[in-house]
Amino acid sequence: MKVWIVLLKVFGYIWLTAAVLLILAGIAGTWMKGGFSAVQELLSPFNVVNWIVTVITLAPGLGALAWPRNSRRRVPLRLSVNRYG
């Protein structure tokens, strides 16, 4: 079980790092092509599509980091057999 926890953490950090780098590269490309006003339009709170795509991009990494924490909190069901039946 510890191997899966480590693998999920590694995957989560790699995914988040790659996603953040790609998001920053997209912002830099927007800045180079359209200037500061284009970046403002891209990051506007009214640009809902961009925020949804950003959340979808970051979700697998965040989920992979949250999964081990949540799985450790669960107490496994143990069936105890005693001598009285």
PDB file of N, CA and C in Angstrom:
ATOM      1  N   MET A   1       0.819  -1.194   0.000  1.00  0.00           N
ATOM      2  CA  MET A   1       0.000   0.000   0.000  1.00  0.00           C
ATOM      3  C   MET A   1       0.864   1.260   0.000  1.00  0.00           C
ATOM      4  N   LYS A   2       2.014   1.207   0.663  1.00  0.00           N
ATOM      5  CA  LYS A   2       2.874   2.384   0.701  1.00  0.00           C
ATOM      6  C   LYS A   2       3.435   2.717  -0.679  1.00  0.00           C
ATOM      7  N   VAL A   3       3.620   1.690  -1.494  1.00  0.00           N
ATOM      8  CA  VAL A   3       4.137   1.931  -2.843  1.00  0.00           C
ATOM      9  C   VAL A   3       3.134   2.758  -3.649  1.00  0.00           C
ATOM     10  N   TRP A   4       1.848   2.435  -3.526  1.00  0.00           N
ATOM     11  CA  TRP A   4       0.824   3.179  -4.245  1.00  0.00           C
ATOM     12  C   TRP A   4       0.744   4.619  -3.762  1.00  0.00           C
ATOM     13  N   ILE A   5       0.922   4.823  -2.476  1.00  0.00           N
ATOM     14  CA  ILE A   5       0.886   6.179  -1.934  1.00  0.00           C
ATOM     15  C   ILE A   5       2.034   6.995  -2.500  1.00  0.00           C
ATOM     16  N   VAL A   6       3.213   6.408  -2.534  1.00  0.00           N
ATOM     17  CA  VAL A   6       4.381   7.117  -3.083  1.00  0.00           C
ATOM     18  C   VAL A   6       4.185   7.378  -4.573  1.00  0.00           C
ATOM     19  N   LEU A   7       3.682   6.387  -5.311  1.00  0.00           N
ATOM     20  CA  LEU A   7       3.465   6.575  -6.746  1.00  0.00           C
ATOM     21  C   LEU A   7       2.422   7.658  -7.027  1.00  0.00           C
ATOM     22  N   LEU A   8       1.365   7.684  -6.232  1.00  0.00           N
ATOM     23  CA  LEU A   8       0.350   8.722  -6.421  1.00  0.00           C
ATOM     24  C   LEU A   8       0.915  10.109  -6.126  1.00  0.00           C
ATOM     25  N   LYS A   9       1.727  10.211  -5.089  1.00  0.00           N
ATOM     26  CA  LYS A   9       2.332  11.507  -4.772  1.00  0.00           C
ATOM     27  C   LYS A   9       3.274  11.961  -5.881  1.00  0.00           C
ATOM     28  N   VAL A  10       4.098  11.052  -6.368  1.00  0.00           N
ATOM     29  CA  VAL A  10       5.025  11.391  -7.453  1.00  0.00           C
ATOM     30  C   VAL A  10       4.252  11.803  -8.696  1.00  0.00           C
ATOM     31  N   PHE A  11       3.231  11.026  -9.066  1.00  0.00           N
ATOM     32  CA  PHE A  11       2.402  11.376 -10.220  1.00  0.00           C
ATOM     33  C   PHE A  11       1.744  12.736 -10.030  1.00  0.00           C
ATOM     34  N   GLY A  12       1.221  12.986  -8.834  1.00  0.00           N
ATOM     35  CA  GLY A  12       0.553  14.260  -8.560  1.00  0.00           C
ATOM     36  C   GLY A  12       1.497  15.444  -8.705  1.00  0.00           C
ATOM     37  N   TYR A  13       2.685  15.324  -8.138  1.00  0.00           N
ATOM     38  CA  TYR A  13       3.641  16.432  -8.239  1.00  0.00           C
ATOM     39  C   TYR A  13       4.126  16.633  -9.673  1.00  0.00           C
ATOM     40  N   ILE A  14       4.360  15.541 -10.394  1.00  0.00           N
ATOM     41  CA  ILE A  14       4.793  15.664 -11.793  1.00  0.00           C
ATOM     42  C   ILE A  14       3.679  16.294 -12.627  1.00  0.00           C
ATOM     43  N   TRP A  15       2.436  15.847 -12.426  1.00  0.00           N
ATOM     44  CA  TRP A  15       1.306  16.398 -13.187  1.00  0.00           C
ATOM     45  C   TRP A  15       1.138  17.883 -12.903  1.00  0.00           C
ATOM     46  N   LEU A  16       1.169  18.260 -11.620  1.00  0.00           N
ATOM     47  CA  LEU A  16       0.981  19.670 -11.275  1.00  0.00           C
ATOM     48  C   LEU A  16       2.113  20.533 -11.827  1.00  0.00           C
ATOM     49  N   THR A  17       3.339  20.034 -11.761  1.00  0.00           N
ATOM     50  CA  THR A  17       4.471  20.793 -12.297  1.00  0.00           C
ATOM     51  C   THR A  17       4.319  21.000 -13.796  1.00  0.00           C
ATOM     52  N   ALA A  18       3.995  19.924 -14.518  1.00  0.00           N
ATOM     53  CA  ALA A  18       3.821  20.029 -15.973  1.00  0.00           C
ATOM     54  C   ALA A  18       2.644  20.941 -16.318  1.00  0.00           C
ATOM     55  N   ALA A  19       1.549  20.819 -15.576  1.00  0.00           N
ATOM     56  CA  ALA A  19       0.374  21.643 -15.859  1.00  0.00           C
ATOM     57  C   ALA A  19       0.656  23.118 -15.610  1.00  0.00           C
ATOM     58  N   VAL A  20       1.314  23.424 -14.511  1.00  0.00           N
ATOM     59  CA  VAL A  20       1.631  24.826 -14.214  1.00  0.00           C
ATOM     60  C   VAL A  20       2.584  25.393 -15.259  1.00  0.00           C
ATOM     61  N   LEU A  21       3.574  24.599 -15.674  1.00  0.00           N
ATOM     62  CA  LEU A  21       4.492  25.080 -16.712  1.00  0.00           C
ATOM     63  C   LEU A  21       3.764  25.323 -18.031  1.00  0.00           C
ATOM     64  N   LEU A  22       2.845  24.439 -18.392  1.00  0.00           N
ATOM     65  CA  LEU A  22       2.083  24.642 -19.627  1.00  0.00           C
ATOM     66  C   LEU A  22       1.152  25.845 -19.522  1.00  0.00           C
ATOM     67  N   ILE A  23       0.534  26.043 -18.370  1.00  0.00           N
ATOM     68  CA  ILE A  23      -0.334  27.207 -18.183  1.00  0.00           C
ATOM     69  C   ILE A  23       0.481  28.492 -18.277  1.00  0.00           C
ATOM     70  N   LEU A  24       1.654  28.500 -17.638  1.00  0.00           N
ATOM     71  CA  LEU A  24       2.516  29.689 -17.710  1.00  0.00           C
ATOM     72  C   LEU A  24       3.027  29.925 -19.133  1.00  0.00           C
ATOM     73  N   ALA A  25       3.323  28.853 -19.859  1.00  0.00           N
ATOM     74  CA  ALA A  25       3.754  29.014 -21.251  1.00  0.00           C
ATOM     75  C   ALA A  25       2.623  29.585 -22.104  1.00  0.00           C
ATOM     76  N   GLY A  26       1.387  29.152 -21.825  1.00  0.00           N
ATOM     77  CA  GLY A  26       0.243  29.700 -22.551  1.00  0.00           C
ATOM     78  C   GLY A  26       0.039  31.175 -22.250  1.00  0.00           C
ATOM     79  N   ILE A  27       0.217  31.556 -20.996  1.00  0.00           N
ATOM     80  CA  ILE A  27       0.089  32.970 -20.625  1.00  0.00           C
ATOM     81  C   ILE A  27       1.194  33.787 -21.283  1.00  0.00           C
ATOM     82  N   ALA A  28       2.426  33.250 -21.291  1.00  0.00           N
ATOM     83  CA  ALA A  28       3.538  33.964 -21.917  1.00  0.00           C
ATOM     84  C   ALA A  28       3.311  34.111 -23.425  1.00  0.00           C
ATOM     85  N   GLY A  29       2.805  33.053 -24.065  1.00  0.00           N
ATOM     86  CA  GLY A  29       2.519  33.136 -25.497  1.00  0.00           C
ATOM     87  C   GLY A  29       1.426  34.146 -25.801  1.00  0.00           C
ATOM     88  N   THR A  30       0.418  34.193 -24.932  1.00  0.00           N
ATOM     89  CA  THR A  30      -0.647  35.178 -25.099  1.00  0.00           C
ATOM     90  C   THR A  30      -0.090  36.585 -24.947  1.00  0.00           C
ATOM     91  N   TRP A  31       0.799  36.766 -23.992  1.00  0.00           N
ATOM     92  CA  TRP A  31       1.405  38.081 -23.760  1.00  0.00           C
ATOM     93  C   TRP A  31       2.234  38.503 -24.979  1.00  0.00           C
ATOM     94  N   MET A  32       3.014  37.559 -25.525  1.00  0.00           N
ATOM     95  CA  MET A  32       3.864  37.894 -26.667  1.00  0.00           C
ATOM     96  C   MET A  32       3.027  38.232 -27.900  1.00  0.00           C
ATOM     97  N   LYS A  33       1.929  37.520 -28.089  1.00  0.00           N
ATOM     98  CA  LYS A  33       1.135  37.730 -29.290  1.00  0.00           C
ATOM     99  C   LYS A  33       0.169  38.906 -29.159  1.00  0.00           C
ATOM    100  N   GLY A  34      -0.488  39.035 -27.986  1.00  0.00           N
ATOM    101  CA  GLY A  34      -1.536  40.042 -27.864  1.00  0.00           C
ATOM    102  C   GLY A  34      -1.263  41.145 -26.864  1.00  0.00           C
ATOM    103  N   GLY A  35      -0.173  41.023 -26.121  1.00  0.00           N
ATOM    104  CA  GLY A  35       0.153  42.056 -25.144  1.00  0.00           C
ATOM    105  C   GLY A  35      -0.557  41.848 -23.810  1.00  0.00           C
ATOM    106  N   PHE A  36      -0.386  42.842 -22.943  1.00  0.00           N
ATOM    107  CA  PHE A  36      -0.918  42.746 -21.589  1.00  0.00           C
ATOM    108  C   PHE A  36      -2.443  42.704 -21.566  1.00  0.00           C
ATOM    109  N   SER A  37      -3.072  43.401 -22.471  1.00  0.00           N
ATOM    110  CA  SER A  37      -4.539  43.411 -22.487  1.00  0.00           C
ATOM    111  C   SER A  37      -5.096  42.029 -22.836  1.00  0.00           C
ATOM    112  N   ALA A  38      -4.389  41.283 -23.675  1.00  0.00           N
ATOM    113  CA  ALA A  38      -4.829  39.926 -24.009  1.00  0.00           C
ATOM    114  C   ALA A  38      -4.711  39.010 -22.789  1.00  0.00           C
ATOM    115  N   VAL A  39      -3.674  39.202 -21.991  1.00  0.00           N
ATOM    116  CA  VAL A  39      -3.525  38.415 -20.764  1.00  0.00           C
ATOM    117  C   VAL A  39      -4.622  38.782 -19.773  1.00  0.00           C
ATOM    118  N   GLN A  40      -4.953  40.060 -19.707  1.00  0.00           N
ATOM    119  CA  GLN A  40      -6.044  40.471 -18.833  1.00  0.00           C
ATOM    120  C   GLN A  40      -7.368  39.835 -19.258  1.00  0.00           C
ATOM    121  N   GLU A  41      -7.615  39.773 -20.539  1.00  0.00           N
ATOM    122  CA  GLU A  41      -8.835  39.122 -21.027  1.00  0.00           C
ATOM    123  C   GLU A  41      -8.816  37.622 -20.722  1.00  0.00           C
ATOM    124  N   LEU A  42      -7.644  37.015 -20.872  1.00  0.00           N
ATOM    125  CA  LEU A  42      -7.514  35.578 -20.624  1.00  0.00           C
ATOM    126  C   LEU A  42      -7.775  35.247 -19.157  1.00  0.00           C
ATOM    127  N   LEU A  43      -7.252  36.049 -18.256  1.00  0.00           N
ATOM    128  CA  LEU A  43      -7.362  35.773 -16.822  1.00  0.00           C
ATOM    129  C   LEU A  43      -8.538  36.488 -16.166  1.00  0.00           C
ATOM    130  N   SER A  44      -9.405  37.057 -16.960  1.00  0.00           N
ATOM    131  CA  SER A  44     -10.572  37.755 -16.435  1.00  0.00           C
ATOM    132  C   SER A  44     -11.476  36.788 -15.676  1.00  0.00           C
ATOM    133  N   PRO A  45     -12.037  37.224 -14.559  1.00  0.00           N
ATOM    134  CA  PRO A  45     -12.957  36.343 -13.829  1.00  0.00           C
ATOM    135  C   PRO A  45     -14.240  36.050 -14.615  1.00  0.00           C
ATOM    136  N   PHE A  46     -14.499  36.815 -15.650  1.00  0.00           N
ATOM    137  CA  PHE A  46     -15.677  36.579 -16.476  1.00  0.00           C
ATOM    138  C   PHE A  46     -15.406  35.577 -17.597  1.00  0.00           C
ATOM    139  N   ASN A  47     -14.164  35.189 -17.778  1.00  0.00           N
ATOM    140  CA  ASN A  47     -13.797  34.182 -18.776  1.00  0.00           C
ATOM    141  C   ASN A  47     -13.941  32.806 -18.121  1.00  0.00           C
ATOM    142  N   VAL A  48     -15.173  32.351 -18.010  1.00  0.00           N
ATOM    143  CA  VAL A  48     -15.485  31.128 -17.272  1.00  0.00           C
ATOM    144  C   VAL A  48     -14.885  29.899 -17.947  1.00  0.00           C
ATOM    145  N   VAL A  49     -14.848  29.887 -19.250  1.00  0.00           N
ATOM    146  CA  VAL A  49     -14.317  28.730 -19.973  1.00  0.00           C
ATOM    147  C   VAL A  49     -12.849  28.502 -19.607  1.00  0.00           C
ATOM    148  N   ASN A  50     -12.077  29.570 -19.502  1.00  0.00           N
ATOM    149  CA  ASN A  50     -10.669  29.437 -19.144  1.00  0.00           C
ATOM    150  C   ASN A  50     -10.525  28.863 -17.736  1.00  0.00           C
ATOM    151  N   TRP A  51     -11.336  29.313 -16.812  1.00  0.00           N
ATOM    152  CA  TRP A  51     -11.248  28.804 -15.441  1.00  0.00           C
ATOM    153  C   TRP A  51     -11.652  27.332 -15.380  1.00  0.00           C
ATOM    154  N   ILE A  52     -12.646  26.936 -16.129  1.00  0.00           N
ATOM    155  CA  ILE A  52     -13.071  25.532 -16.145  1.00  0.00           C
ATOM    156  C   ILE A  52     -11.965  24.652 -16.728  1.00  0.00           C
ATOM    157  N   VAL A  53     -11.362  25.101 -17.815  1.00  0.00           N
ATOM    158  CA  VAL A  53     -10.278  24.326 -18.432  1.00  0.00           C
ATOM    159  C   VAL A  53      -9.079  24.242 -17.487  1.00  0.00           C
ATOM    160  N   THR A  54      -8.792  25.311 -16.762  1.00  0.00           N
ATOM    161  CA  THR A  54      -7.690  25.290 -15.802  1.00  0.00           C
ATOM    162  C   THR A  54      -7.961  24.290 -14.679  1.00  0.00           C
ATOM    163  N   VAL A  55      -9.169  24.274 -14.176  1.00  0.00           N
ATOM    164  CA  VAL A  55      -9.518  23.315 -13.117  1.00  0.00           C
ATOM    165  C   VAL A  55      -9.437  21.884 -13.637  1.00  0.00           C
ATOM    166  N   ILE A  56      -9.910  21.648 -14.855  1.00  0.00           N
ATOM    167  CA  ILE A  56      -9.832  20.312 -15.440  1.00  0.00           C
ATOM    168  C   ILE A  56      -8.372  19.901 -15.645  1.00  0.00           C
ATOM    169  N   THR A  57      -7.522  20.853 -15.991  1.00  0.00           N
ATOM    170  CA  THR A  57      -6.108  20.553 -16.193  1.00  0.00           C
ATOM    171  C   THR A  57      -5.418  20.193 -14.882  1.00  0.00           C
ATOM    172  N   LEU A  58      -5.745  20.883 -13.806  1.00  0.00           N
ATOM    173  CA  LEU A  58      -5.081  20.657 -12.525  1.00  0.00           C
ATOM    174  C   LEU A  58      -5.711  19.527 -11.714  1.00  0.00           C
ATOM    175  N   ALA A  59      -6.926  19.125 -12.035  1.00  0.00           N
ATOM    176  CA  ALA A  59      -7.669  18.153 -11.222  1.00  0.00           C
ATOM    177  C   ALA A  59      -6.974  16.796 -11.058  1.00  0.00           C
ATOM    178  N   PRO A  60      -6.405  16.185 -12.095  1.00  0.00           N
ATOM    179  CA  PRO A  60      -5.763  14.880 -11.869  1.00  0.00           C
ATOM    180  C   PRO A  60      -4.600  14.946 -10.885  1.00  0.00           C
ATOM    181  N   GLY A  61      -3.809  15.992 -10.961  1.00  0.00           N
ATOM    182  CA  GLY A  61      -2.692  16.129 -10.023  1.00  0.00           C
ATOM    183  C   GLY A  61      -3.161  16.363  -8.607  1.00  0.00           C
ATOM    184  N   LEU A  62      -4.157  17.236  -8.451  1.00  0.00           N
ATOM    185  CA  LEU A  62      -4.691  17.497  -7.114  1.00  0.00           C
ATOM    186  C   LEU A  62      -5.391  16.268  -6.553  1.00  0.00           C
ATOM    187  N   GLY A  63      -6.097  15.547  -7.408  1.00  0.00           N
ATOM    188  CA  GLY A  63      -6.746  14.312  -6.971  1.00  0.00           C
ATOM    189  C   GLY A  63      -5.747  13.249  -6.549  1.00  0.00           C
ATOM    190  N   ALA A  64      -4.654  13.133  -7.298  1.00  0.00           N
ATOM    191  CA  ALA A  64      -3.625  12.153  -6.953  1.00  0.00           C
ATOM    192  C   ALA A  64      -2.944  12.506  -5.630  1.00  0.00           C
ATOM    193  N   LEU A  65      -2.838  13.787  -5.318  1.00  0.00           N
ATOM    194  CA  LEU A  65      -2.251  14.177  -4.036  1.00  0.00           C
ATOM    195  C   LEU A  65      -3.249  14.026  -2.887  1.00  0.00           C
ATOM    196  N   ALA A  66      -4.520  14.197  -3.151  1.00  0.00           N
ATOM    197  CA  ALA A  66      -5.528  14.095  -2.096  1.00  0.00           C
ATOM    198  C   ALA A  66      -5.902  12.646  -1.790  1.00  0.00           C
ATOM    199  N   TRP A  67      -5.791  11.768  -2.756  1.00  0.00           N
ATOM    200  CA  TRP A  67      -6.211  10.388  -2.578  1.00  0.00           C
ATOM    201  C   TRP A  67      -5.477   9.671  -1.444  1.00  0.00           C
ATOM    202  N   PRO A  68      -4.138   9.744  -1.352  1.00  0.00           N
ATOM    203  CA  PRO A  68      -3.468   9.052  -0.236  1.00  0.00           C
ATOM    204  C   PRO A  68      -3.877   9.593   1.127  1.00  0.00           C
ATOM    205  N   ARG A  69      -4.094  10.885   1.227  1.00  0.00           N
ATOM    206  CA  ARG A  69      -4.504  11.463   2.518  1.00  0.00           C
ATOM    207  C   ARG A  69      -5.861  10.925   2.941  1.00  0.00           C
ATOM    208  N   ASN A  70      -6.782  10.846   1.992  1.00  0.00           N
ATOM    209  CA  ASN A  70      -8.119  10.357   2.312  1.00  0.00           C
ATOM    210  C   ASN A  70      -8.137   8.859   2.575  1.00  0.00           C
ATOM    211  N   SER A  71      -7.284   8.117   1.897  1.00  0.00           N
ATOM    212  CA  SER A  71      -7.277   6.671   2.101  1.00  0.00           C
ATOM    213  C   SER A  71      -6.645   6.301   3.433  1.00  0.00           C
ATOM    214  N   ARG A  72      -5.754   7.119   3.969  1.00  0.00           N
ATOM    215  CA  ARG A  72      -5.167   6.844   5.277  1.00  0.00           C
ATOM    216  C   ARG A  72      -6.169   7.083   6.399  1.00  0.00           C
ATOM    217  N   ARG A  73      -7.125   7.956   6.187  1.00  0.00           N
ATOM    218  CA  ARG A  73      -8.105   8.263   7.227  1.00  0.00           C
ATOM    219  C   ARG A  73      -9.109   7.139   7.429  1.00  0.00           C
ATOM    220  N   ARG A  74      -9.348   6.365   6.393  1.00  0.00           N
ATOM    221  CA  ARG A  74     -10.316   5.284   6.499  1.00  0.00           C
ATOM    222  C   ARG A  74      -9.750   4.167   7.361  1.00  0.00           C
ATOM    223  N   VAL A  75     -10.577   3.664   8.206  1.00  0.00           N
ATOM    224  CA  VAL A  75     -10.185   2.531   9.035  1.00  0.00           C
ATOM    225  C   VAL A  75     -10.691   1.273   8.343  1.00  0.00           C
ATOM    226  N   PRO A  76      -9.795   0.351   8.044  1.00  0.00           N
ATOM    227  CA  PRO A  76     -10.255  -0.850   7.348  1.00  0.00           C
ATOM    228  C   PRO A  76     -11.144  -1.697   8.255  1.00  0.00           C
ATOM    229  N   LEU A  77     -12.118  -2.322   7.651  1.00  0.00           N
ATOM    230  CA  LEU A  77     -13.034  -3.179   8.373  1.00  0.00           C
ATOM    231  C   LEU A  77     -12.320  -4.473   8.700  1.00  0.00           C
ATOM    232  N   ARG A  78     -12.243  -4.775   9.980  1.00  0.00           N
ATOM    233  CA  ARG A  78     -11.569  -6.010  10.395  1.00  0.00           C
ATOM    234  C   ARG A  78     -12.597  -6.919  11.042  1.00  0.00           C
ATOM    235  N   LEU A  79     -12.666  -8.089  10.542  1.00  0.00           N
ATOM    236  CA  LEU A  79     -13.564  -9.078  11.110  1.00  0.00           C
ATOM    237  C   LEU A  79     -12.789  -9.880  12.133  1.00  0.00           C
ATOM    238  N   SER A  80     -13.210  -9.786  13.343  1.00  0.00           N
ATOM    239  CA  SER A  80     -12.501 -10.538  14.387  1.00  0.00           C
ATOM    240  C   SER A  80     -13.279 -11.800  14.713  1.00  0.00           C
ATOM    241  N   VAL A  81     -12.553 -12.850  14.778  1.00  0.00           N
ATOM    242  CA  VAL A  81     -13.146 -14.124  15.136  1.00  0.00           C
ATOM    243  C   VAL A  81     -12.644 -14.457  16.535  1.00  0.00           C
ATOM    244  N   ASN A  82     -13.587 -14.585  17.441  1.00  0.00           N
ATOM    245  CA  ASN A  82     -13.174 -14.941  18.792  1.00  0.00           C
ATOM    246  C   ASN A  82     -13.606 -16.375  19.089  1.00  0.00           C
ATOM    247  N   ARG A  83     -13.279 -16.806  20.235  1.00  0.00           N
ATOM    248  CA  ARG A  83     -13.545 -18.217  20.555  1.00  0.00           C
ATOM    249  C   ARG A  83     -15.011 -18.486  20.883  1.00  0.00           C
ATOM    250  N   TYR A  84     -15.799 -17.422  21.005  1.00  0.00           N
ATOM    251  CA  TYR A  84     -17.204 -17.609  21.322  1.00  0.00           C
ATOM    252  C   TYR A  84     -18.105 -17.639  20.093  1.00  0.00           C
ATOM    253  N   GLY A  85     -17.529 -17.578  18.938  1.00  0.00           N
ATOM    254  CA  GLY A  85     -18.339 -17.699  17.737  1.00  0.00           C
ATOM    255  C   GLY A  85     -18.517 -16.417  17.109  1.00  0.00           C
TER     256      GLY A  85
END
